Protein backbone atom coordinates (compact mmCIF):
# COMPACT_ATOMS: atom_id res chain seq x y z
CA MET A 1 2.36 -3.68 22.45
CA THR A 2 3.82 -5.21 25.61
CA SER A 3 5.44 -3.15 28.35
CA ALA A 4 9.13 -2.31 28.10
CA PRO A 5 11.51 -4.30 30.35
CA SER A 6 12.31 -2.69 33.70
CA ILE A 7 16.11 -3.02 33.37
CA SER A 8 17.65 0.44 33.71
CA THR A 9 21.47 0.00 33.83
CA VAL A 10 24.00 -1.88 31.77
CA GLY A 11 25.00 -3.88 34.86
CA GLN A 12 21.44 -5.15 35.24
CA LEU A 13 21.37 -5.90 31.53
CA ARG A 14 24.45 -8.10 31.75
CA ALA A 15 23.11 -9.83 34.85
CA SER A 16 19.90 -10.68 32.98
CA GLY A 17 21.88 -12.68 30.43
CA HIS A 18 20.96 -10.38 27.51
CA GLU A 19 22.99 -11.01 24.36
CA HIS A 20 23.62 -8.39 21.72
CA LYS A 21 22.82 -9.39 18.13
CA GLY A 22 23.65 -7.49 14.99
CA LEU A 23 20.63 -6.07 13.17
CA ARG A 24 20.80 -8.51 10.26
CA THR A 25 21.14 -11.48 12.62
CA GLU A 26 18.16 -10.19 14.60
CA ILE A 27 16.01 -9.93 11.45
CA ARG A 28 17.17 -13.33 10.18
CA ASP A 29 16.46 -15.10 13.48
CA ASN A 30 13.00 -13.55 13.84
CA LEU A 31 12.09 -14.34 10.23
CA LEU A 32 13.21 -17.95 10.53
CA ALA A 33 11.32 -18.30 13.81
CA ARG A 34 8.13 -17.04 12.16
CA LEU A 35 8.53 -19.41 9.24
CA ALA A 36 9.25 -22.36 11.52
CA ALA A 37 6.12 -21.59 13.56
CA GLY A 38 3.98 -21.38 10.42
CA GLU A 39 3.20 -17.69 10.98
CA ASP A 40 2.81 -15.16 8.19
CA PRO A 41 5.60 -12.55 8.51
CA TRP A 42 3.88 -10.33 5.91
CA PRO A 43 0.30 -9.65 7.06
CA GLY A 44 -1.83 -7.57 4.74
CA LEU A 45 0.13 -8.30 1.55
CA HIS A 46 -1.80 -9.99 -1.26
CA GLY A 47 -0.63 -11.49 -4.53
CA PHE A 48 3.08 -11.72 -3.67
CA GLU A 49 3.04 -15.13 -1.97
CA ASP A 50 4.75 -17.09 -4.75
CA THR A 51 6.82 -14.34 -6.35
CA VAL A 52 8.03 -11.34 -4.37
CA ILE A 53 7.86 -12.74 -0.83
CA PRO A 54 10.23 -15.72 -1.40
CA GLN A 55 12.79 -13.39 -3.02
CA LEU A 56 12.47 -10.91 -0.16
CA GLU A 57 12.87 -13.59 2.49
CA ARG A 58 15.97 -14.97 0.80
CA ALA A 59 17.49 -11.47 0.68
CA LEU A 60 16.82 -10.85 4.38
CA ILE A 61 18.16 -14.24 5.40
CA ALA A 62 21.31 -13.45 3.40
CA GLY A 63 21.56 -10.07 5.15
CA HIS A 64 21.36 -8.02 1.97
CA ASP A 65 20.37 -4.42 1.48
CA LEU A 66 17.64 -4.39 -1.14
CA VAL A 67 15.76 -2.25 -3.62
CA LEU A 68 12.18 -2.91 -4.78
CA LEU A 69 11.48 -2.08 -8.42
CA GLY A 70 7.92 -1.66 -9.60
CA GLU A 71 5.30 0.67 -11.03
CA ARG A 72 3.23 2.93 -8.83
CA GLY A 73 0.65 1.42 -6.53
CA GLN A 74 2.17 -2.06 -6.31
CA GLY A 75 2.57 -2.01 -2.53
CA LYS A 76 6.31 -1.32 -2.36
CA THR A 77 6.09 1.07 0.58
CA ARG A 78 3.71 -1.19 2.47
CA LEU A 79 6.10 -4.08 1.97
CA LEU A 80 9.01 -2.04 3.34
CA ARG A 81 7.02 -0.94 6.38
CA THR A 82 5.96 -4.51 7.12
CA MET A 83 9.63 -5.40 7.65
CA VAL A 84 9.44 -3.60 11.01
CA GLY A 85 7.60 -6.65 12.35
CA LEU A 86 10.82 -8.69 12.02
CA LEU A 87 12.63 -6.58 14.63
CA ASP A 88 12.64 -7.42 18.34
CA GLU A 89 9.75 -5.64 20.02
CA TRP A 90 12.06 -3.91 22.52
CA THR A 91 15.79 -3.32 22.32
CA PRO A 92 18.08 -1.64 24.90
CA VAL A 93 19.83 1.64 24.06
CA ILE A 94 22.11 3.96 25.97
CA GLU A 95 19.89 6.58 27.56
CA ASP A 96 20.09 9.99 25.80
CA SER A 97 22.52 8.66 23.18
CA GLU A 98 22.15 10.51 19.90
CA LEU A 99 22.32 7.41 17.71
CA GLY A 100 20.54 4.92 19.96
CA GLU A 101 23.61 2.75 20.47
CA HIS A 102 23.48 -0.62 22.19
CA PRO A 103 24.85 -0.41 25.76
CA TYR A 104 27.44 -3.08 24.94
CA GLU A 105 28.70 -1.27 21.82
CA PRO A 106 28.82 2.54 22.08
CA VAL A 107 30.02 4.07 18.82
CA THR A 108 30.04 7.86 19.30
CA HIS A 109 32.73 9.74 21.22
CA GLU A 110 30.25 10.93 23.86
CA SER A 111 28.75 7.46 24.48
CA ARG A 112 32.16 5.83 24.78
CA ARG A 113 33.20 8.50 27.29
CA ARG A 114 30.05 7.94 29.38
CA ALA A 115 30.48 4.15 29.25
CA ALA A 116 34.07 4.45 30.50
CA GLU A 117 33.10 6.83 33.32
CA LEU A 118 29.92 5.10 34.56
CA GLY A 119 30.74 1.44 33.94
CA ASP A 120 27.89 -0.80 35.11
CA GLU A 121 25.86 2.26 36.13
CA LEU A 122 25.52 3.45 32.51
CA PRO A 123 21.77 4.20 32.22
CA VAL A 124 19.77 2.10 29.80
CA THR A 125 16.40 2.78 28.21
CA TRP A 126 14.30 0.70 25.80
CA ARG A 127 13.31 1.49 22.23
CA HIS A 128 10.26 -0.05 20.53
CA ARG A 129 10.68 -1.55 17.08
CA GLU A 130 8.35 1.08 15.54
CA ASP A 131 10.98 3.69 16.46
CA ARG A 132 13.70 1.76 14.64
CA TYR A 133 12.26 2.36 11.18
CA ALA A 134 13.00 5.61 9.35
CA GLU A 135 11.57 6.53 5.97
CA LYS A 136 12.61 9.28 3.59
CA LEU A 137 10.89 10.27 0.39
CA ALA A 138 13.68 11.13 -2.02
CA THR A 139 13.17 14.56 -3.55
CA PRO A 140 15.52 16.54 -5.79
CA ASP A 141 16.17 19.05 -2.98
CA THR A 142 17.33 16.39 -0.50
CA SER A 143 20.83 17.29 0.72
CA VAL A 144 23.81 15.38 2.07
CA ALA A 145 23.13 17.03 5.43
CA ASP A 146 19.62 15.55 5.47
CA LEU A 147 20.84 12.00 4.92
CA ILE A 148 24.36 11.91 6.35
CA GLY A 149 24.90 15.02 8.48
CA ASP A 150 26.77 18.31 8.67
CA VAL A 151 28.61 20.61 11.05
CA ASP A 152 26.17 22.19 13.53
CA PRO A 153 26.90 25.94 13.66
CA MET A 154 25.15 26.23 17.03
CA LYS A 155 27.60 23.80 18.60
CA VAL A 156 30.50 25.72 17.10
CA ALA A 157 29.04 28.94 18.50
CA GLU A 158 28.98 27.35 21.95
CA GLY A 159 32.76 27.28 21.86
CA ARG A 160 33.63 23.87 20.43
CA SER A 161 36.36 23.77 17.81
CA LEU A 162 35.63 22.74 14.25
CA GLY A 163 37.83 19.71 14.74
CA ASP A 164 35.69 18.42 17.60
CA PRO A 165 33.55 15.46 16.40
CA GLU A 166 30.81 16.58 18.80
CA THR A 167 30.11 19.56 16.54
CA ILE A 168 28.49 17.20 14.01
CA HIS A 169 24.74 17.04 13.59
CA PHE A 170 23.92 13.56 12.30
CA GLY A 171 21.48 13.01 9.44
CA LEU A 172 18.75 10.45 8.94
CA ILE A 173 20.95 7.48 8.06
CA PRO A 174 23.29 7.52 11.09
CA ARG A 175 20.29 8.23 13.35
CA SER A 176 18.82 4.98 12.03
CA HIS A 177 21.72 3.05 13.60
CA ARG A 178 20.50 -0.43 14.64
CA GLY A 179 17.36 -0.01 12.55
CA ILE A 180 15.95 0.04 9.04
CA VAL A 181 16.22 3.10 6.82
CA ALA A 182 13.94 3.18 3.77
CA ILE A 183 14.33 5.58 0.86
CA ASN A 184 11.31 5.85 -1.40
CA GLU A 185 11.80 6.77 -5.08
CA LEU A 186 15.58 6.45 -4.82
CA PRO A 187 16.31 7.57 -8.42
CA ASP A 188 14.89 11.01 -7.58
CA LEU A 189 17.94 11.63 -5.38
CA ALA A 190 20.52 13.78 -7.13
CA GLU A 191 23.50 11.72 -8.22
CA ARG A 192 25.90 13.60 -5.94
CA ILE A 193 23.65 12.69 -2.98
CA GLN A 194 23.68 9.04 -4.00
CA VAL A 195 27.50 9.20 -3.99
CA ALA A 196 27.36 10.20 -0.33
CA MET A 197 25.64 6.88 0.44
CA LEU A 198 28.39 4.71 -1.03
CA ASN A 199 30.40 4.40 2.18
CA VAL A 200 27.29 3.75 4.21
CA MET A 201 26.30 0.88 1.93
CA GLU A 202 29.70 -0.83 1.80
CA GLU A 203 32.06 0.28 4.56
CA ARG A 204 29.22 1.03 7.01
CA ASP A 205 30.67 4.37 8.05
CA ILE A 206 30.03 8.01 7.18
CA GLN A 207 32.08 10.93 5.92
CA ILE A 208 31.07 14.50 6.78
CA ARG A 209 32.92 17.37 5.15
CA GLY A 210 36.58 17.06 6.16
CA TYR A 211 36.02 14.82 9.15
CA VAL A 212 37.44 11.34 9.25
CA LEU A 213 34.64 9.78 11.29
CA ARG A 214 34.53 6.02 11.64
CA LEU A 215 31.15 4.95 12.94
CA PRO A 216 30.48 1.21 12.58
CA LEU A 217 26.85 1.71 11.65
CA ASP A 218 24.58 -1.31 11.98
CA LEU A 219 21.61 -0.71 9.72
CA LEU A 220 19.66 -2.15 6.84
CA VAL A 221 19.17 0.09 3.80
CA VAL A 222 16.08 -0.60 1.72
CA ALA A 223 14.74 1.45 -1.16
CA SER A 224 11.96 1.59 -3.74
CA ALA A 225 12.12 2.76 -7.33
CA ASN A 226 10.01 2.87 -10.47
CA PRO A 227 11.83 1.11 -13.34
CA GLU A 228 11.03 4.03 -15.64
CA ASP A 229 13.03 6.30 -13.35
CA TYR A 230 16.22 4.78 -14.71
CA THR A 231 15.67 6.57 -18.03
CA ASN A 232 13.22 9.40 -17.29
CA ARG A 233 13.42 11.42 -14.09
CA GLY A 234 16.69 10.00 -12.86
CA ARG A 235 18.62 6.83 -12.27
CA ILE A 236 20.37 4.88 -9.57
CA ILE A 237 24.07 5.40 -10.15
CA THR A 238 25.93 2.21 -11.01
CA PRO A 239 28.21 2.07 -7.91
CA LEU A 240 25.21 2.44 -5.59
CA GLN A 241 23.15 -0.07 -7.56
CA ASP A 242 26.05 -2.50 -7.23
CA ARG A 243 25.98 -2.16 -3.43
CA PHE A 244 22.42 -3.41 -3.09
CA GLY A 245 22.56 -7.13 -2.51
CA ALA A 246 19.13 -7.76 -4.04
CA GLU A 247 16.89 -6.10 -6.63
CA ILE A 248 13.34 -7.42 -6.41
CA ARG A 249 10.64 -6.74 -8.98
CA THR A 250 7.16 -6.18 -7.64
CA HIS A 251 3.98 -6.51 -9.68
CA TYR A 252 0.25 -5.92 -9.56
CA PRO A 253 -1.90 -8.77 -8.20
CA ARG A 254 -2.08 -11.52 -10.79
CA GLU A 255 -5.22 -13.14 -9.41
CA LEU A 256 -8.60 -11.43 -9.27
CA GLU A 257 -9.14 -12.56 -5.68
CA ALA A 258 -5.93 -10.84 -4.57
CA GLU A 259 -6.98 -7.62 -6.32
CA VAL A 260 -10.35 -7.66 -4.53
CA ALA A 261 -8.63 -8.39 -1.20
CA VAL A 262 -6.38 -5.35 -1.63
CA ILE A 263 -9.37 -3.09 -2.36
CA ARG A 264 -11.35 -4.44 0.59
CA GLN A 265 -8.36 -4.06 2.93
CA GLU A 266 -7.22 -0.59 1.91
CA ALA A 267 -10.45 1.24 1.07
CA GLY A 268 -12.06 3.37 3.76
CA LEU A 269 -15.70 2.65 2.95
CA VAL A 270 -18.42 4.85 4.44
CA ALA A 271 -21.21 2.59 3.18
CA GLU A 272 -21.62 -1.06 2.22
CA VAL A 273 -20.06 -2.00 -1.10
CA PRO A 274 -21.04 -5.58 -2.02
CA ASP A 275 -18.27 -7.94 -3.12
CA ALA A 276 -19.70 -8.12 -6.64
CA LEU A 277 -19.14 -4.38 -7.12
CA LEU A 278 -15.60 -4.65 -5.74
CA GLU A 279 -15.08 -7.43 -8.26
CA VAL A 280 -16.29 -5.10 -11.03
CA LEU A 281 -13.77 -2.46 -9.92
CA ALA A 282 -11.00 -5.06 -9.78
CA ARG A 283 -11.81 -6.30 -13.29
CA PHE A 284 -12.07 -2.70 -14.49
CA THR A 285 -8.60 -1.95 -13.16
CA ARG A 286 -7.15 -5.10 -14.74
CA ASN A 287 -8.78 -4.23 -18.08
CA LEU A 288 -7.10 -0.84 -17.94
CA ARG A 289 -3.73 -2.51 -17.37
CA ASP A 290 -4.28 -4.62 -20.49
CA SER A 291 -5.59 -1.79 -22.69
CA SER A 292 -3.45 -0.52 -25.56
CA ALA A 293 -5.07 2.90 -25.11
CA VAL A 294 -3.48 3.32 -21.66
CA ASP A 295 0.19 4.19 -21.11
CA GLN A 296 1.37 1.05 -19.37
CA ARG A 297 4.78 2.47 -18.56
CA SER A 298 3.22 4.53 -15.76
CA GLY A 299 1.01 1.64 -14.67
CA VAL A 300 -2.51 1.65 -13.26
CA SER A 301 -2.17 1.87 -9.51
CA ALA A 302 -4.14 -0.23 -7.04
CA ARG A 303 -5.12 3.16 -5.62
CA PHE A 304 -7.33 3.61 -8.71
CA ALA A 305 -9.68 0.80 -7.64
CA ILE A 306 -9.41 1.78 -3.97
CA ALA A 307 -10.48 5.35 -4.77
CA GLY A 308 -13.26 3.96 -6.96
CA ALA A 309 -14.63 1.84 -4.10
CA GLU A 310 -14.53 4.83 -1.76
CA THR A 311 -16.32 6.97 -4.35
CA ILE A 312 -19.22 4.60 -4.91
CA ALA A 313 -19.57 4.10 -1.16
CA ALA A 314 -19.80 7.87 -0.78
CA ALA A 315 -22.45 8.00 -3.52
CA ALA A 316 -24.49 5.35 -1.70
CA LEU A 317 -24.27 7.20 1.62
CA ARG A 318 -25.25 10.49 -0.01
CA ARG A 319 -28.31 8.88 -1.60
CA ALA A 320 -29.34 7.13 1.62
CA THR A 321 -29.04 10.37 3.57
CA ARG A 322 -31.02 12.43 1.06
CA LEU A 323 -33.79 9.84 0.65
CA GLY A 324 -33.99 8.64 4.24
CA GLU A 325 -32.90 5.06 3.56
CA SER A 326 -32.07 3.02 6.64
CA ASP A 327 -29.11 1.25 5.05
CA ALA A 328 -26.63 2.67 2.55
CA VAL A 329 -25.66 0.05 -0.04
CA ALA A 330 -23.81 0.82 -3.26
CA ARG A 331 -25.51 -0.25 -6.51
CA VAL A 332 -24.51 -0.60 -10.15
CA VAL A 333 -25.77 2.90 -10.90
CA ASP A 334 -23.06 4.26 -8.57
CA LEU A 335 -20.24 2.85 -10.71
CA ASP A 336 -20.59 5.73 -13.16
CA THR A 337 -19.60 8.16 -10.40
CA ALA A 338 -16.21 6.44 -10.19
CA VAL A 339 -15.56 6.96 -13.90
CA GLU A 340 -16.43 10.63 -13.58
CA VAL A 341 -13.81 11.39 -10.93
CA LEU A 342 -11.03 8.87 -11.65
CA ALA A 343 -10.22 9.68 -15.28
CA GLY A 344 -7.39 11.96 -14.16
CA LYS A 345 -5.57 9.06 -12.48
CA ILE A 346 -4.94 7.33 -15.81
CA GLU A 347 -2.33 8.32 -18.38
CA PHE A 348 -3.51 7.58 -21.90
CA GLU A 349 -1.39 6.99 -24.97
CA THR A 350 -0.78 9.86 -27.35
CA GLY A 351 -3.56 10.01 -29.89
CA GLU A 352 -6.33 9.11 -27.47
CA GLU A 353 -7.13 12.72 -26.58
CA GLY A 354 -10.87 13.29 -26.37
CA ARG A 355 -11.67 9.57 -26.11
CA GLU A 356 -10.77 9.09 -22.46
CA THR A 357 -14.35 8.86 -21.17
CA ASP A 358 -15.39 6.53 -23.98
CA ILE A 359 -12.47 4.21 -23.25
CA LEU A 360 -13.20 4.13 -19.52
CA THR A 361 -16.92 3.54 -20.09
CA HIS A 362 -16.24 0.69 -22.52
CA LEU A 363 -13.79 -1.02 -20.16
CA LEU A 364 -16.16 -0.60 -17.22
CA ARG A 365 -18.99 -2.22 -19.20
CA THR A 366 -16.66 -5.06 -20.10
CA ALA A 367 -15.87 -5.54 -16.40
CA ILE A 368 -19.58 -5.56 -15.51
CA ALA A 369 -20.33 -8.11 -18.24
CA GLU A 370 -17.53 -10.38 -17.01
CA THR A 371 -18.84 -10.17 -13.44
CA VAL A 372 -22.42 -10.90 -14.54
CA ARG A 373 -21.28 -13.98 -16.45
CA GLU A 374 -19.33 -15.19 -13.44
CA HIS A 375 -22.17 -14.88 -10.93
CA PHE A 376 -25.34 -15.43 -12.99
CA ARG A 377 -24.12 -18.17 -15.31
CA GLY A 378 -26.88 -20.71 -15.95
CA LEU A 379 -29.65 -18.56 -14.49
CA ASP A 380 -32.64 -18.31 -16.86
CA MET A 381 -33.83 -14.69 -16.95
CA GLY A 382 -36.29 -15.23 -19.79
CA LEU A 383 -39.31 -14.25 -17.68
CA LEU A 384 -37.78 -10.86 -16.85
CA VAL A 385 -36.81 -10.24 -20.48
CA THR A 386 -40.32 -11.19 -21.64
CA ALA A 387 -41.94 -8.86 -19.10
CA ILE A 388 -39.80 -5.96 -20.31
CA GLU A 389 -40.51 -6.80 -23.95
CA ASP A 390 -44.21 -6.63 -23.08
CA GLY A 391 -43.80 -3.04 -21.94
CA ALA A 392 -42.61 -3.16 -18.33
CA THR A 393 -39.82 -0.77 -17.27
CA VAL A 394 -37.50 -0.58 -14.28
CA THR A 395 -36.35 2.83 -13.08
CA THR A 396 -33.23 3.38 -11.02
CA GLY A 397 -30.65 6.12 -10.60
CA GLY A 398 -28.44 7.94 -8.18
CA GLU A 399 -31.50 9.70 -6.70
CA VAL A 400 -33.81 6.66 -6.66
CA SER A 401 -34.08 4.68 -3.42
CA ALA A 402 -33.67 0.92 -3.26
CA HIS A 403 -37.28 0.63 -2.06
CA ASP A 404 -38.53 2.49 -5.14
CA VAL A 405 -36.43 0.29 -7.43
CA LEU A 406 -37.93 -2.85 -5.91
CA ASP A 407 -41.47 -1.46 -6.01
CA GLY A 408 -41.09 -0.78 -9.73
CA LEU A 409 -40.06 -4.31 -10.70
CA PRO A 410 -42.42 -6.17 -13.04
CA VAL A 411 -44.46 -8.93 -11.43
CA LEU A 412 -43.28 -12.38 -12.55
CA GLY A 413 -46.14 -14.44 -11.13
CA GLU A 414 -45.04 -17.43 -9.08
CA SER A 415 -41.45 -17.19 -10.30
CA GLU A 416 -38.67 -16.88 -7.70
CA LEU A 417 -36.28 -15.34 -10.21
CA TYR A 418 -35.61 -12.24 -8.10
CA ASP A 419 -34.79 -14.41 -5.08
CA ASP A 420 -32.55 -16.60 -7.23
CA VAL A 421 -30.69 -13.51 -8.47
CA CYS A 422 -30.14 -12.31 -4.91
CA ASP A 423 -29.02 -15.76 -3.77
CA ARG A 424 -26.13 -15.64 -6.24
CA LEU A 425 -24.64 -12.64 -4.40
CA PHE A 426 -25.95 -12.67 -0.83
CA ASP A 427 -27.11 -14.89 1.99
CA ARG A 428 -30.90 -14.78 1.89
CA ALA A 429 -31.08 -14.49 5.69
CA GLU A 430 -29.11 -11.22 5.53
CA LEU A 431 -30.95 -9.56 2.64
CA SER A 432 -31.93 -5.90 2.83
CA ASP A 433 -33.64 -3.64 0.30
CA GLY A 434 -30.26 -2.20 -0.63
CA ARG A 435 -28.72 -5.59 -1.30
CA ARG A 436 -31.75 -6.82 -3.26
CA ALA A 437 -31.69 -3.69 -5.43
CA CYS A 438 -27.94 -4.09 -6.00
CA ALA A 439 -28.28 -7.71 -7.17
CA ILE A 440 -31.23 -7.05 -9.44
CA GLU A 441 -29.61 -3.93 -10.95
CA LEU A 442 -26.51 -5.98 -11.75
CA ALA A 443 -28.70 -8.58 -13.49
CA LEU A 444 -30.52 -5.86 -15.46
CA GLU A 445 -27.25 -4.26 -16.51
CA GLY A 446 -26.04 -7.67 -17.65
CA LEU A 447 -29.16 -8.10 -19.79
CA PHE A 448 -28.59 -4.68 -21.30
CA LEU A 449 -24.95 -5.43 -22.10
CA ALA A 450 -26.06 -8.72 -23.66
CA ARG A 451 -28.49 -6.70 -25.82
CA LYS A 452 -31.52 -8.45 -24.39
CA ILE A 453 -33.12 -5.21 -23.13
CA GLY A 454 -32.64 -1.49 -23.67
CA LYS A 455 -31.48 1.28 -21.36
CA ASP A 456 -32.03 5.03 -21.37
CA THR A 457 -30.16 7.46 -19.10
CA ASP A 458 -30.80 11.18 -18.66
CA GLY A 459 -28.26 11.84 -15.92
CA ARG A 460 -30.71 11.59 -13.01
CA GLU A 461 -32.63 8.43 -13.83
CA THR A 462 -31.80 5.21 -15.67
CA VAL A 463 -34.69 3.28 -17.23
CA TYR A 464 -34.36 -0.32 -18.35
CA GLY A 465 -37.06 -1.13 -20.91
């Protein structure tokens, strides 16, 4: 953040050559400048580059209010919040004005009076773009007063008459004048509350009780909604839907790399989670989205995989702390902990009661097998399979250290198979016991899923043999 300009009066502002732009012009100019410079206006968003982002940019260039439609966990809110970056970093406002009006265009009775009295000495302050974004989660108990405004009984008690426009307490939308107002889960707003937004969306003014109050509001209204809300919990009323210039459908990442990037970016990991395990979680999540046993109308949020990554990182840190390991690295054995705690985040189809854990376990194994094929394709593991067939076993588990796993591996003579396995996932110069154990466990699990070796689990230990 840079420092705010030092200009403090409207006279100084005019002398500086400052020009006032409407909000939509400001957003359009900044967006076009970013695109012309080859900069990414949407940092941190993955998987929307060829679908959602072009639609969104066209809507903003056209100056349209917009609504994002998509299932839970598709990044709708993050996308709305990223729009703040298209505002000017600092913008002048009339000091102490209730609605943050531009010094050249006061809109409230009080600000116009002060501008007429003070002229070029009207005090100016500066507002950062982060303060020009307001967000409201629509809930059934949201009132017209919350969004639009109401008569303030305290001001009436001070002696003002009910007909005095200064008795009005403005709601969220007028207070977002010259900024962006975002309403999450718009269909959850009661229909009568949506009606109150009609004038704001079209005529750009507000109506409060019996007042005829013409405020030329300059704001951008954006909203998010789940498509199912149109028929289940609520709906966007037709006149309000008609006032949005653009309806944009979001989606889950269509490429595996984008899914992994979202997990890596959003997860707060307390231990190292190798990319291969994040890939397993990403494939697991995508398998759930394709499964006929899962209710796809509610979707499978990206937060599912994010919470899974955080869970297995926590399992790794717990093990490292209990066993005195110097580095905490998640391993394949930790993936089961994610299944144990995340089942409640998935809505299954009717008729699948009692089979939830089996379904999750099957889809997780499918994800592991796909990851093993991707990374270990062409690698001959015959020596390891032969050693296990001859009676060798490998013991691992949530309470078994990486050092103990490595110590228990069968000796393969002069073979460099274990190093070759690790090379498929990690740089050999940066190998640790935790990383080696992770790579070899993934290979062993792949052999088990391919029915080359057996596996026995008692809850504390897992034995491949």
